Amino acid sequence: MHEKLNKYLEEISHYLAAVSEKEEILNEIKSHILEKAEQEFGQTNKGALDKVIDNYGSPRKVAEKYIEDFEIIAPRFKGYLLRYTGALFALHFSLILLSFVFKTSMLVFPFFYIPYINSLQGLFYVPMSFVFDLGLVGIFLYFVTQSQKDIRLPWFKLKINWQKTAQKRQGRSRVIPFILMFMGYAALVWIYLRFNTLFFKTIDFQNAQSLLTPAASQWYSSALLALLGIGLAAYAVKFFNTSEWANLLKSGFQLLILGIVINKRIEAPFQFPYLNLQVMANILITVILILIAIDFLKSVIIMGRKSLAKIAYQKNNLIEGKK
């Protein structure tokens, strides 16, 4: 076969790598080119094929004509891409944390090798692990799509009224924000385990100095992690249940923790000898307390209104039934 035609078809094949009918498509393109050369020039020699190929179109545009309706991942499976990736990455990231805490490497399927890494290496390794998980799930869904079978992928089967869910104050949680929140919380946990504090005088981790005394560092850092952990847990719950109870319980537990923090005073918590930050800390705690209290009251009001609306609805049905 003509060398230029061979090279032309090879370039087109690169754009058809994910298409199962690639060979049939290439044979069809080859036949079109040969037929066109025969019709226009009466022969299929080198000169005729060169002219036809030059006017046939770029390899990418030719390939696009054959893959316009081709789905790498079927539309019914696209919703599973982020779901499965989020679940897989949560497991992957947990194993990375375990590897760091216990200072050991692990061999775990399907992640293969999880090395023990320091904090600087983790800045590069964690994002790449997410990309790996996304690719792994994408490959899985690609093969499921290509199987051409009526496959139902497993996920949590929830009975949710989507119309009412859209009217919720916060609505259903989303995967990407949850992943980012989880990563941020895990990073804070790592910092606390590494330095026994979340409050620093400087941002130099190589020579980290705590803003608070050791006792105050552990106490206030634990309280902060508890507050954030409750918020993260409430956000996770709303994947499965969008009831206002999740917001009410979240705010209630956070108020309880803040109440304990306020009532347990630590003498001279700050290590600054000439600067008293206690007043600023008290103001900050008060502001957080007010915001959480407002959120708690919102939840109480919303639930109260819903209860009254439900009672009124039942009364109306009862009256109409008697008529």
C-alpha atoms as a PDB file:
ATOM      1  CA  MET A   1       0.000   0.000   0.000  1.00  0.00           C
ATOM      2  CA  HIS A   2       1.027   3.591  -0.581  1.00  0.00           C
ATOM      3  CA  GLU A   3       3.240   4.838   2.296  1.00  0.00           C
ATOM      4  CA  LYS A   4       1.391   8.141   2.688  1.00  0.00           C
ATOM      5  CA  LEU A   5      -1.962   6.356   2.873  1.00  0.00           C
ATOM      6  CA  ASN A   6      -0.551   4.004   5.504  1.00  0.00           C
ATOM      7  CA  LYS A   7       0.648   6.939   7.604  1.00  0.00           C
ATOM      8  CA  TYR A   8      -2.648   8.785   7.122  1.00  0.00           C
ATOM      9  CA  LEU A   9      -4.706   5.816   8.340  1.00  0.00           C
ATOM     10  CA  GLU A  10      -2.347   5.310  11.267  1.00  0.00           C
ATOM     11  CA  GLU A  11      -2.859   8.899  12.393  1.00  0.00           C
ATOM     12  CA  ILE A  12      -6.615   8.489  12.184  1.00  0.00           C
ATOM     13  CA  SER A  13      -6.409   5.292  14.247  1.00  0.00           C
ATOM     14  CA  HIS A  14      -4.908   7.257  17.147  1.00  0.00           C
ATOM     15  CA  TYR A  15      -8.160   9.237  17.453  1.00  0.00           C
ATOM     16  CA  LEU A  16     -10.209   6.028  17.240  1.00  0.00           C
ATOM     17  CA  ALA A  17      -8.335   4.212  20.004  1.00  0.00           C
ATOM     18  CA  ALA A  18     -11.436   3.924  22.210  1.00  0.00           C
ATOM     19  CA  VAL A  19     -13.736   2.793  19.383  1.00  0.00           C
ATOM     20  CA  SER A  20     -14.327  -0.941  19.174  1.00  0.00           C
ATOM     21  CA  GLU A  21     -15.084  -0.781  15.411  1.00  0.00           C
ATOM     22  CA  LYS A  22     -11.768   0.916  14.653  1.00  0.00           C
ATOM     23  CA  GLU A  23     -10.612  -1.576  11.996  1.00  0.00           C
ATOM     24  CA  GLU A  24     -13.944  -1.439  10.162  1.00  0.00           C
ATOM     25  CA  ILE A  25     -13.815   2.358  10.124  1.00  0.00           C
ATOM     26  CA  LEU A  26     -10.225   2.424   8.825  1.00  0.00           C
ATOM     27  CA  ASN A  27     -11.105  -0.047   6.065  1.00  0.00           C
ATOM     28  CA  GLU A  28     -14.074   2.130   5.127  1.00  0.00           C
ATOM     29  CA  ILE A  29     -11.901   5.267   4.935  1.00  0.00           C
ATOM     30  CA  LYS A  30      -9.327   3.397   2.871  1.00  0.00           C
ATOM     31  CA  SER A  31     -12.013   2.247   0.423  1.00  0.00           C
ATOM     32  CA  HIS A  32     -13.376   5.801   0.089  1.00  0.00           C
ATOM     33  CA  ILE A  33      -9.923   7.182  -0.685  1.00  0.00           C
ATOM     34  CA  LEU A  34      -9.196   4.497  -3.291  1.00  0.00           C
ATOM     35  CA  GLU A  35     -12.614   4.935  -4.897  1.00  0.00           C
ATOM     36  CA  LYS A  36     -12.219   8.708  -4.999  1.00  0.00           C
ATOM     37  CA  ALA A  37      -8.774   8.396  -6.605  1.00  0.00           C
ATOM     38  CA  GLU A  38     -10.192   6.009  -9.207  1.00  0.00           C
ATOM     39  CA  GLN A  39     -13.149   8.290  -9.975  1.00  0.00           C
ATOM     40  CA  GLU A  40     -11.210  11.545 -10.178  1.00  0.00           C
ATOM     41  CA  PHE A  41      -7.934  10.378 -11.729  1.00  0.00           C
ATOM     42  CA  GLY A  42      -8.798   7.021 -13.242  1.00  0.00           C
ATOM     43  CA  GLN A  43      -6.048   5.285 -11.285  1.00  0.00           C
ATOM     44  CA  THR A  44      -4.733   4.717  -7.728  1.00  0.00           C
ATOM     45  CA  ASN A  45      -1.071   5.495  -8.166  1.00  0.00           C
ATOM     46  CA  LYS A  46       1.061   7.586  -5.787  1.00  0.00           C
ATOM     47  CA  GLY A  47       0.232  10.959  -7.340  1.00  0.00           C
ATOM     48  CA  ALA A  48      -3.517  10.353  -7.373  1.00  0.00           C
ATOM     49  CA  LEU A  49      -3.593   9.111  -3.757  1.00  0.00           C
ATOM     50  CA  ASP A  50      -1.475  12.044  -2.586  1.00  0.00           C
ATOM     51  CA  LYS A  51      -3.939  14.531  -4.055  1.00  0.00           C
ATOM     52  CA  VAL A  52      -6.985  12.738  -2.618  1.00  0.00           C
ATOM     53  CA  ILE A  53      -5.414  12.500   0.866  1.00  0.00           C
ATOM     54  CA  ASP A  54      -4.436  16.177   0.825  1.00  0.00           C
ATOM     55  CA  ASN A  55      -8.066  17.142   0.170  1.00  0.00           C
ATOM     56  CA  TYR A  56      -9.712  14.471   2.328  1.00  0.00           C
ATOM     57  CA  GLY A  57      -9.282  16.346   5.597  1.00  0.00           C
ATOM     58  CA  SER A  58      -7.064  16.247   8.657  1.00  0.00           C
ATOM     59  CA  PRO A  59      -6.911  12.900  10.501  1.00  0.00           C
ATOM     60  CA  ARG A  60      -8.597  14.415  13.572  1.00  0.00           C
ATOM     61  CA  LYS A  61     -11.553  15.835  11.644  1.00  0.00           C
ATOM     62  CA  VAL A  62     -12.020  12.611   9.698  1.00  0.00           C
ATOM     63  CA  ALA A  63     -12.053  10.605  12.934  1.00  0.00           C
ATOM     64  CA  GLU A  64     -14.521  13.015  14.560  1.00  0.00           C
ATOM     65  CA  LYS A  65     -17.097  12.195  11.886  1.00  0.00           C
ATOM     66  CA  TYR A  66     -17.115   8.581  13.091  1.00  0.00           C
ATOM     67  CA  ILE A  67     -17.111   9.180  16.845  1.00  0.00           C
ATOM     68  CA  GLU A  68     -19.745  11.927  17.165  1.00  0.00           C
ATOM     69  CA  ASP A  69     -22.310   9.495  18.571  1.00  0.00           C
ATOM     70  CA  PHE A  70     -19.824   7.276  20.340  1.00  0.00           C
ATOM     71  CA  GLU A  71     -20.008   7.302  24.150  1.00  0.00           C
ATOM     72  CA  ILE A  72     -16.888   6.373  26.096  1.00  0.00           C
ATOM     73  CA  ILE A  73     -19.063   6.215  29.225  1.00  0.00           C
ATOM     74  CA  ALA A  74     -22.799   5.691  28.752  1.00  0.00           C
ATOM     75  CA  PRO A  75     -24.957   8.593  30.037  1.00  0.00           C
ATOM     76  CA  ARG A  76     -26.651   6.338  32.578  1.00  0.00           C
ATOM     77  CA  PHE A  77     -23.250   5.559  34.142  1.00  0.00           C
ATOM     78  CA  LYS A  78     -21.781   9.087  34.192  1.00  0.00           C
ATOM     79  CA  GLY A  79     -23.361   9.806  37.560  1.00  0.00           C
ATOM     80  CA  TYR A  80     -21.351   6.959  39.031  1.00  0.00           C
ATOM     81  CA  LEU A  81     -18.017   8.487  37.992  1.00  0.00           C
ATOM     82  CA  LEU A  82     -17.824  10.975  40.857  1.00  0.00           C
ATOM     83  CA  ARG A  83     -19.666   8.701  43.295  1.00  0.00           C
ATOM     84  CA  TYR A  84     -17.285   5.801  42.881  1.00  0.00           C
ATOM     85  CA  THR A  85     -14.255   8.083  42.642  1.00  0.00           C
ATOM     86  CA  GLY A  86     -15.224   9.827  45.884  1.00  0.00           C
ATOM     87  CA  ALA A  87     -15.700   6.534  47.728  1.00  0.00           C
ATOM     88  CA  LEU A  88     -12.472   5.082  46.349  1.00  0.00           C
ATOM     89  CA  PHE A  89     -10.473   8.222  47.115  1.00  0.00           C
ATOM     90  CA  ALA A  90     -11.805   8.340  50.689  1.00  0.00           C
ATOM     91  CA  LEU A  91     -10.449   4.823  51.208  1.00  0.00           C
ATOM     92  CA  HIS A  92      -7.200   5.665  49.420  1.00  0.00           C
ATOM     93  CA  PHE A  93      -6.641   8.825  51.458  1.00  0.00           C
ATOM     94  CA  SER A  94      -7.367   6.982  54.720  1.00  0.00           C
ATOM     95  CA  LEU A  95      -4.718   4.428  53.852  1.00  0.00           C
ATOM     96  CA  ILE A  96      -2.251   7.221  53.062  1.00  0.00           C
ATOM     97  CA  LEU A  97      -2.875   8.686  56.516  1.00  0.00           C
ATOM     98  CA  LEU A  98      -2.392   5.284  58.139  1.00  0.00           C
ATOM     99  CA  SER A  99       0.842   4.867  56.216  1.00  0.00           C
ATOM    100  CA  PHE A 100       2.047   8.214  57.524  1.00  0.00           C
ATOM    101  CA  VAL A 101       0.936   7.669  61.136  1.00  0.00           C
ATOM    102  CA  PHE A 102       2.503   4.208  61.397  1.00  0.00           C
ATOM    103  CA  LYS A 103       5.496   5.183  59.231  1.00  0.00           C
ATOM    104  CA  THR A 104       5.241   2.194  56.943  1.00  0.00           C
ATOM    105  CA  SER A 105       4.538   1.380  53.295  1.00  0.00           C
ATOM    106  CA  MET A 106       1.649  -0.838  52.227  1.00  0.00           C
ATOM    107  CA  LEU A 107       0.602  -3.033  49.335  1.00  0.00           C
ATOM    108  CA  VAL A 108      -3.173  -2.737  48.964  1.00  0.00           C
ATOM    109  CA  PHE A 109      -5.412  -3.649  46.015  1.00  0.00           C
ATOM    110  CA  PRO A 110      -6.357  -1.779  43.849  1.00  0.00           C
ATOM    111  CA  PHE A 111      -3.914   0.980  44.843  1.00  0.00           C
ATOM    112  CA  PHE A 112      -0.902  -1.333  44.480  1.00  0.00           C
ATOM    113  CA  TYR A 113       1.764   0.494  46.490  1.00  0.00           C
ATOM    114  CA  ILE A 114       1.206   3.157  49.144  1.00  0.00           C
ATOM    115  CA  PRO A 115       4.586   4.519  50.261  1.00  0.00           C
ATOM    116  CA  TYR A 116       5.460   6.211  53.499  1.00  0.00           C
ATOM    117  CA  ILE A 117       5.809   9.883  52.598  1.00  0.00           C
ATOM    118  CA  ASN A 118       6.594  13.090  54.440  1.00  0.00           C
ATOM    119  CA  SER A 119       4.416  16.200  54.432  1.00  0.00           C
ATOM    120  CA  LEU A 120       6.119  17.847  51.443  1.00  0.00           C
ATOM    121  CA  GLN A 121       5.841  14.718  49.299  1.00  0.00           C
ATOM    122  CA  GLY A 122       2.198  14.409  50.312  1.00  0.00           C
ATOM    123  CA  LEU A 123       1.404  17.724  48.595  1.00  0.00           C
ATOM    124  CA  PHE A 124       2.193  16.008  45.292  1.00  0.00           C
ATOM    125  CA  TYR A 125       1.209  12.433  46.069  1.00  0.00           C
ATOM    126  CA  VAL A 126      -2.336  13.065  47.347  1.00  0.00           C
ATOM    127  CA  PRO A 127      -3.581  14.957  44.228  1.00  0.00           C
ATOM    128  CA  MET A 128      -2.021  12.303  41.993  1.00  0.00           C
ATOM    129  CA  SER A 129      -3.739   9.578  44.001  1.00  0.00           C
ATOM    130  CA  PHE A 130      -7.070  11.277  43.250  1.00  0.00           C
ATOM    131  CA  VAL A 131      -6.211  11.348  39.530  1.00  0.00           C
ATOM    132  CA  PHE A 132      -5.320   7.651  39.741  1.00  0.00           C
ATOM    133  CA  ASP A 133      -8.654   6.815  41.396  1.00  0.00           C
ATOM    134  CA  LEU A 134     -10.559   8.878  38.828  1.00  0.00           C
ATOM    135  CA  GLY A 135      -8.802   7.060  35.992  1.00  0.00           C
ATOM    136  CA  LEU A 136      -9.407   3.673  37.582  1.00  0.00           C
ATOM    137  CA  VAL A 137     -13.133   4.321  37.890  1.00  0.00           C
ATOM    138  CA  GLY A 138     -13.241   5.775  34.378  1.00  0.00           C
ATOM    139  CA  ILE A 139     -11.639   2.640  32.910  1.00  0.00           C
ATOM    140  CA  PHE A 140     -14.094   0.462  34.828  1.00  0.00           C
ATOM    141  CA  LEU A 141     -17.102   2.419  33.537  1.00  0.00           C
ATOM    142  CA  TYR A 142     -15.686   2.342  30.005  1.00  0.00           C
ATOM    143  CA  PHE A 143     -15.594  -1.446  29.986  1.00  0.00           C
ATOM    144  CA  VAL A 144     -19.071  -1.563  31.525  1.00  0.00           C
ATOM    145  CA  THR A 145     -20.302   0.682  28.697  1.00  0.00           C
ATOM    146  CA  GLN A 146     -18.600  -1.444  26.027  1.00  0.00           C
ATOM    147  CA  SER A 147     -20.149  -4.637  27.369  1.00  0.00           C
ATOM    148  CA  GLN A 148     -23.454  -3.573  25.764  1.00  0.00           C
ATOM    149  CA  LYS A 149     -25.356  -5.299  28.572  1.00  0.00           C
ATOM    150  CA  ASP A 150     -28.091  -4.026  30.829  1.00  0.00           C
ATOM    151  CA  ILE A 151     -25.914  -3.686  33.930  1.00  0.00           C
ATOM    152  CA  ARG A 152     -27.135  -2.021  37.102  1.00  0.00           C
ATOM    153  CA  LEU A 153     -24.273  -0.711  39.153  1.00  0.00           C
ATOM    154  CA  PRO A 154     -24.584  -0.903  42.950  1.00  0.00           C
ATOM    155  CA  TRP A 155     -25.098   2.238  45.005  1.00  0.00           C
ATOM    156  CA  PHE A 156     -27.142   3.300  47.973  1.00  0.00           C
ATOM    157  CA  LYS A 157     -30.806   2.832  47.130  1.00  0.00           C
ATOM    158  CA  LEU A 158     -32.561   5.818  48.584  1.00  0.00           C
ATOM    159  CA  LYS A 159     -36.234   6.728  48.556  1.00  0.00           C
ATOM    160  CA  ILE A 160     -36.000  10.472  48.109  1.00  0.00           C
ATOM    161  CA  ASN A 161     -38.688  12.860  46.958  1.00  0.00           C
ATOM    162  CA  TRP A 162     -36.544  15.029  44.700  1.00  0.00           C
ATOM    163  CA  GLN A 163     -39.136  17.781  44.454  1.00  0.00           C
ATOM    164  CA  LYS A 164     -39.203  18.245  48.214  1.00  0.00           C
ATOM    165  CA  THR A 165     -35.467  17.774  48.445  1.00  0.00           C
ATOM    166  CA  ALA A 166     -34.931  20.767  46.149  1.00  0.00           C
ATOM    167  CA  GLN A 167     -36.824  22.899  48.657  1.00  0.00           C
ATOM    168  CA  LYS A 168     -34.633  21.975  51.592  1.00  0.00           C
ATOM    169  CA  ARG A 169     -32.611  24.716  53.224  1.00  0.00           C
ATOM    170  CA  GLN A 170     -29.299  23.183  52.190  1.00  0.00           C
ATOM    171  CA  GLY A 171     -30.360  20.298  49.991  1.00  0.00           C
ATOM    172  CA  ARG A 172     -28.416  17.172  49.255  1.00  0.00           C
ATOM    173  CA  SER A 173     -24.645  17.216  49.693  1.00  0.00           C
ATOM    174  CA  ARG A 174     -22.327  17.090  46.688  1.00  0.00           C
ATOM    175  CA  VAL A 175     -19.383  14.788  46.162  1.00  0.00           C
ATOM    176  CA  ILE A 176     -16.639  17.248  45.136  1.00  0.00           C
ATOM    177  CA  PRO A 177     -17.137  19.680  48.065  1.00  0.00           C
ATOM    178  CA  PHE A 178     -17.234  16.696  50.420  1.00  0.00           C
ATOM    179  CA  ILE A 179     -13.951  15.366  49.045  1.00  0.00           C
ATOM    180  CA  LEU A 180     -12.303  18.769  49.460  1.00  0.00           C
ATOM    181  CA  MET A 181     -13.690  19.126  52.985  1.00  0.00           C
ATOM    182  CA  PHE A 182     -12.522  15.613  53.852  1.00  0.00           C
ATOM    183  CA  MET A 183      -9.035  16.323  52.530  1.00  0.00           C
ATOM    184  CA  GLY A 184      -8.844  19.579  54.487  1.00  0.00           C
ATOM    185  CA  TYR A 185     -10.000  17.901  57.685  1.00  0.00           C
ATOM    186  CA  ALA A 186      -7.566  15.033  57.221  1.00  0.00           C
ATOM    187  CA  ALA A 187      -4.760  17.561  56.719  1.00  0.00           C
ATOM    188  CA  LEU A 188      -5.671  19.229  60.028  1.00  0.00           C
ATOM    189  CA  VAL A 189      -5.701  15.844  61.773  1.00  0.00           C
ATOM    190  CA  TRP A 190      -2.251  15.123  60.356  1.00  0.00           C
ATOM    191  CA  ILE A 191      -0.917  18.484  61.553  1.00  0.00           C
ATOM    192  CA  TYR A 192      -2.314  17.868  65.017  1.00  0.00           C
ATOM    193  CA  LEU A 193      -0.807  14.379  65.203  1.00  0.00           C
ATOM    194  CA  ARG A 194       2.501  15.712  63.977  1.00  0.00           C
ATOM    195  CA  PHE A 195       2.836  18.845  66.126  1.00  0.00           C
ATOM    196  CA  ASN A 196       0.220  18.352  68.899  1.00  0.00           C
ATOM    197  CA  THR A 197      -1.320  21.697  68.014  1.00  0.00           C
ATOM    198  CA  LEU A 198      -3.198  23.559  65.306  1.00  0.00           C
ATOM    199  CA  PHE A 199      -2.077  26.996  66.451  1.00  0.00           C
ATOM    200  CA  PHE A 200       1.384  28.214  65.455  1.00  0.00           C
ATOM    201  CA  LYS A 201       3.478  31.334  65.908  1.00  0.00           C
ATOM    202  CA  THR A 202       5.010  30.863  62.451  1.00  0.00           C
ATOM    203  CA  ILE A 203       4.236  28.927  59.281  1.00  0.00           C
ATOM    204  CA  ASP A 204       7.659  27.295  59.230  1.00  0.00           C
ATOM    205  CA  PHE A 205       6.914  23.624  59.928  1.00  0.00           C
ATOM    206  CA  GLN A 206      10.615  22.836  60.076  1.00  0.00           C
ATOM    207  CA  ASN A 207      10.889  24.940  63.201  1.00  0.00           C
ATOM    208  CA  ALA A 208       7.278  24.957  64.352  1.00  0.00           C
ATOM    209  CA  GLN A 209       6.434  26.828  67.542  1.00  0.00           C
ATOM    210  CA  SER A 210       3.033  26.561  69.145  1.00  0.00           C
ATOM    211  CA  LEU A 211       1.078  29.727  69.855  1.00  0.00           C
ATOM    212  CA  LEU A 212      -0.373  28.095  72.976  1.00  0.00           C
ATOM    213  CA  THR A 213       0.999  26.235  75.953  1.00  0.00           C
ATOM    214  CA  PRO A 214       1.100  22.419  75.560  1.00  0.00           C
ATOM    215  CA  ALA A 215      -2.034  21.873  77.653  1.00  0.00           C
ATOM    216  CA  ALA A 216      -3.960  24.625  75.872  1.00  0.00           C
ATOM    217  CA  SER A 217      -2.774  23.411  72.463  1.00  0.00           C
ATOM    218  CA  GLN A 218      -4.154  19.926  72.963  1.00  0.00           C
ATOM    219  CA  TRP A 219      -7.395  21.153  74.503  1.00  0.00           C
ATOM    220  CA  TYR A 220      -8.312  23.837  71.969  1.00  0.00           C
ATOM    221  CA  SER A 221      -7.009  21.863  68.975  1.00  0.00           C
ATOM    222  CA  SER A 222      -9.126  18.866  70.001  1.00  0.00           C
ATOM    223  CA  ALA A 223     -12.154  21.124  70.403  1.00  0.00           C
ATOM    224  CA  LEU A 224     -11.615  22.634  66.945  1.00  0.00           C
ATOM    225  CA  LEU A 225     -11.250  19.196  65.350  1.00  0.00           C
ATOM    226  CA  ALA A 226     -14.423  18.070  67.102  1.00  0.00           C
ATOM    227  CA  LEU A 227     -16.372  21.080  65.779  1.00  0.00           C
ATOM    228  CA  LEU A 228     -15.136  20.549  62.233  1.00  0.00           C
ATOM    229  CA  GLY A 229     -15.619  16.786  62.445  1.00  0.00           C
ATOM    230  CA  ILE A 230     -19.264  17.213  63.452  1.00  0.00           C
ATOM    231  CA  GLY A 231     -19.808  19.554  60.526  1.00  0.00           C
ATOM    232  CA  LEU A 232     -18.179  17.077  58.131  1.00  0.00           C
ATOM    233  CA  ALA A 233     -20.241  14.198  59.526  1.00  0.00           C
ATOM    234  CA  ALA A 234     -23.456  16.205  59.123  1.00  0.00           C
ATOM    235  CA  TYR A 235     -22.525  16.983  55.526  1.00  0.00           C
ATOM    236  CA  ALA A 236     -21.930  13.267  54.883  1.00  0.00           C
ATOM    237  CA  VAL A 237     -25.282  12.349  56.437  1.00  0.00           C
ATOM    238  CA  LYS A 238     -27.038  14.625  53.965  1.00  0.00           C
ATOM    239  CA  PHE A 239     -25.964  12.358  51.117  1.00  0.00           C
ATOM    240  CA  PHE A 240     -28.577   9.944  52.423  1.00  0.00           C
ATOM    241  CA  ASN A 241     -31.075  12.032  54.353  1.00  0.00           C
ATOM    242  CA  THR A 242     -31.817  15.712  53.743  1.00  0.00           C
ATOM    243  CA  SER A 243     -33.928  16.075  56.870  1.00  0.00           C
ATOM    244  CA  GLU A 244     -33.479  19.224  58.932  1.00  0.00           C
ATOM    245  CA  TRP A 245     -32.601  16.914  61.822  1.00  0.00           C
ATOM    246  CA  ALA A 246     -29.056  16.707  60.465  1.00  0.00           C
ATOM    247  CA  ASN A 247     -28.606  20.490  60.803  1.00  0.00           C
ATOM    248  CA  LEU A 248     -30.305  20.547  64.204  1.00  0.00           C
ATOM    249  CA  LEU A 249     -28.122  17.797  65.679  1.00  0.00           C
ATOM    250  CA  LYS A 250     -24.978  19.308  64.153  1.00  0.00           C
ATOM    251  CA  SER A 251     -25.641  22.702  65.701  1.00  0.00           C
ATOM    252  CA  GLY A 252     -26.677  21.131  69.005  1.00  0.00           C
ATOM    253  CA  PHE A 253     -23.490  19.101  69.385  1.00  0.00           C
ATOM    254  CA  GLN A 254     -21.361  22.061  68.342  1.00  0.00           C
ATOM    255  CA  LEU A 255     -23.037  24.252  70.961  1.00  0.00           C
ATOM    256  CA  LEU A 256     -22.374  21.550  73.550  1.00  0.00           C
ATOM    257  CA  ILE A 257     -18.660  21.468  72.693  1.00  0.00           C
ATOM    258  CA  LEU A 258     -18.381  25.262  72.781  1.00  0.00           C
ATOM    259  CA  GLY A 259     -20.125  25.284  76.146  1.00  0.00           C
ATOM    260  CA  ILE A 260     -17.548  22.846  77.510  1.00  0.00           C
ATOM    261  CA  VAL A 261     -14.706  24.934  76.046  1.00  0.00           C
ATOM    262  CA  ILE A 262     -16.019  28.134  77.616  1.00  0.00           C
ATOM    263  CA  ASN A 263     -16.544  26.530  81.032  1.00  0.00           C
ATOM    264  CA  LYS A 264     -13.110  24.901  81.130  1.00  0.00           C
ATOM    265  CA  ARG A 265     -10.692  27.764  81.462  1.00  0.00           C
ATOM    266  CA  ILE A 266      -6.956  27.172  81.076  1.00  0.00           C
ATOM    267  CA  GLU A 267      -4.650  29.471  82.985  1.00  0.00           C
ATOM    268  CA  ALA A 268      -2.251  31.536  80.836  1.00  0.00           C
ATOM    269  CA  PRO A 269      -2.871  29.590  77.606  1.00  0.00           C
ATOM    270  CA  PHE A 270      -0.780  31.871  75.391  1.00  0.00           C
ATOM    271  CA  GLN A 271       2.995  31.816  75.262  1.00  0.00           C
ATOM    272  CA  PHE A 272       3.389  35.448  74.215  1.00  0.00           C
ATOM    273  CA  PRO A 273       4.975  37.167  77.251  1.00  0.00           C
ATOM    274  CA  TYR A 274       4.080  40.764  76.331  1.00  0.00           C
ATOM    275  CA  LEU A 275       0.870  40.277  74.350  1.00  0.00           C
ATOM    276  CA  ASN A 276      -2.419  39.146  75.858  1.00  0.00           C
ATOM    277  CA  LEU A 277      -4.485  37.438  73.174  1.00  0.00           C
ATOM    278  CA  GLN A 278      -7.109  36.122  75.580  1.00  0.00           C
ATOM    279  CA  VAL A 279      -9.550  38.923  74.777  1.00  0.00           C
ATOM    280  CA  MET A 280      -9.297  38.272  71.043  1.00  0.00           C
ATOM    281  CA  ALA A 281      -9.766  34.551  71.617  1.00  0.00           C
ATOM    282  CA  ASN A 282     -12.868  35.186  73.728  1.00  0.00           C
ATOM    283  CA  ILE A 283     -14.322  37.444  71.030  1.00  0.00           C
ATOM    284  CA  LEU A 284     -13.673  34.795  68.374  1.00  0.00           C
ATOM    285  CA  ILE A 285     -15.313  32.052  70.466  1.00  0.00           C
ATOM    286  CA  THR A 286     -18.293  34.328  71.134  1.00  0.00           C
ATOM    287  CA  VAL A 287     -18.769  35.067  67.427  1.00  0.00           C
ATOM    288  CA  ILE A 288     -18.620  31.353  66.575  1.00  0.00           C
ATOM    289  CA  LEU A 289     -21.069  30.621  69.381  1.00  0.00           C
ATOM    290  CA  ILE A 290     -23.546  33.221  68.087  1.00  0.00           C
ATOM    291  CA  LEU A 291     -23.346  31.920  64.503  1.00  0.00           C
ATOM    292  CA  ILE A 292     -23.929  28.335  65.582  1.00  0.00           C
ATOM    293  CA  ALA A 293     -26.769  29.408  67.883  1.00  0.00           C
ATOM    294  CA  ILE A 294     -28.443  31.252  64.979  1.00  0.00           C
ATOM    295  CA  ASP A 295     -28.121  28.130  62.826  1.00  0.00           C
ATOM    296  CA  PHE A 296     -29.611  26.052  65.629  1.00  0.00           C
ATOM    297  CA  LEU A 297     -32.588  28.418  65.947  1.00  0.00           C
ATOM    298  CA  LYS A 298     -33.127  28.320  62.186  1.00  0.00           C
ATOM    299  CA  SER A 299     -33.387  24.545  62.309  1.00  0.00           C
ATOM    300  CA  VAL A 300     -35.844  24.701  65.219  1.00  0.00           C
ATOM    301  CA  ILE A 301     -38.022  27.243  63.383  1.00  0.00           C
ATOM    302  CA  ILE A 302     -37.993  25.265  60.142  1.00  0.00           C
ATOM    303  CA  MET A 303     -38.923  22.041  61.897  1.00  0.00           C
ATOM    304  CA  GLY A 304     -41.625  23.827  63.859  1.00  0.00           C
ATOM    305  CA  ARG A 305     -43.166  25.271  60.708  1.00  0.00           C
ATOM    306  CA  LYS A 306     -43.121  21.888  59.019  1.00  0.00           C
ATOM    307  CA  SER A 307     -44.801  20.281  62.015  1.00  0.00           C
ATOM    308  CA  LEU A 308     -47.519  22.961  62.036  1.00  0.00           C
ATOM    309  CA  ALA A 309     -48.010  22.580  58.287  1.00  0.00           C
ATOM    310  CA  LYS A 310     -48.335  18.825  58.682  1.00  0.00           C
ATOM    311  CA  ILE A 311     -50.912  19.207  61.474  1.00  0.00           C
ATOM    312  CA  ALA A 312     -52.900  21.697  59.403  1.00  0.00           C
ATOM    313  CA  TYR A 313     -52.799  19.342  56.417  1.00  0.00           C
ATOM    314  CA  GLN A 314     -54.080  16.438  58.506  1.00  0.00           C
ATOM    315  CA  LYS A 315     -56.881  18.576  59.945  1.00  0.00           C
ATOM    316  CA  ASN A 316     -57.976  19.656  56.474  1.00  0.00           C
ATOM    317  CA  ASN A 317     -58.041  16.056  55.282  1.00  0.00           C
ATOM    318  CA  LEU A 318     -60.063  15.083  58.340  1.00  0.00           C
ATOM    319  CA  ILE A 319     -62.595  17.855  57.741  1.00  0.00           C
ATOM    320  CA  GLU A 320     -62.915  16.974  54.059  1.00  0.00           C
ATOM    321  CA  GLY A 321     -63.381  13.325  55.003  1.00  0.00           C
ATOM    322  CA  LYS A 322     -66.262  14.137  57.291  1.00  0.00           C
ATOM    323  CA  LYS A 323     -67.959  16.134  54.549  1.00  0.00           C
END
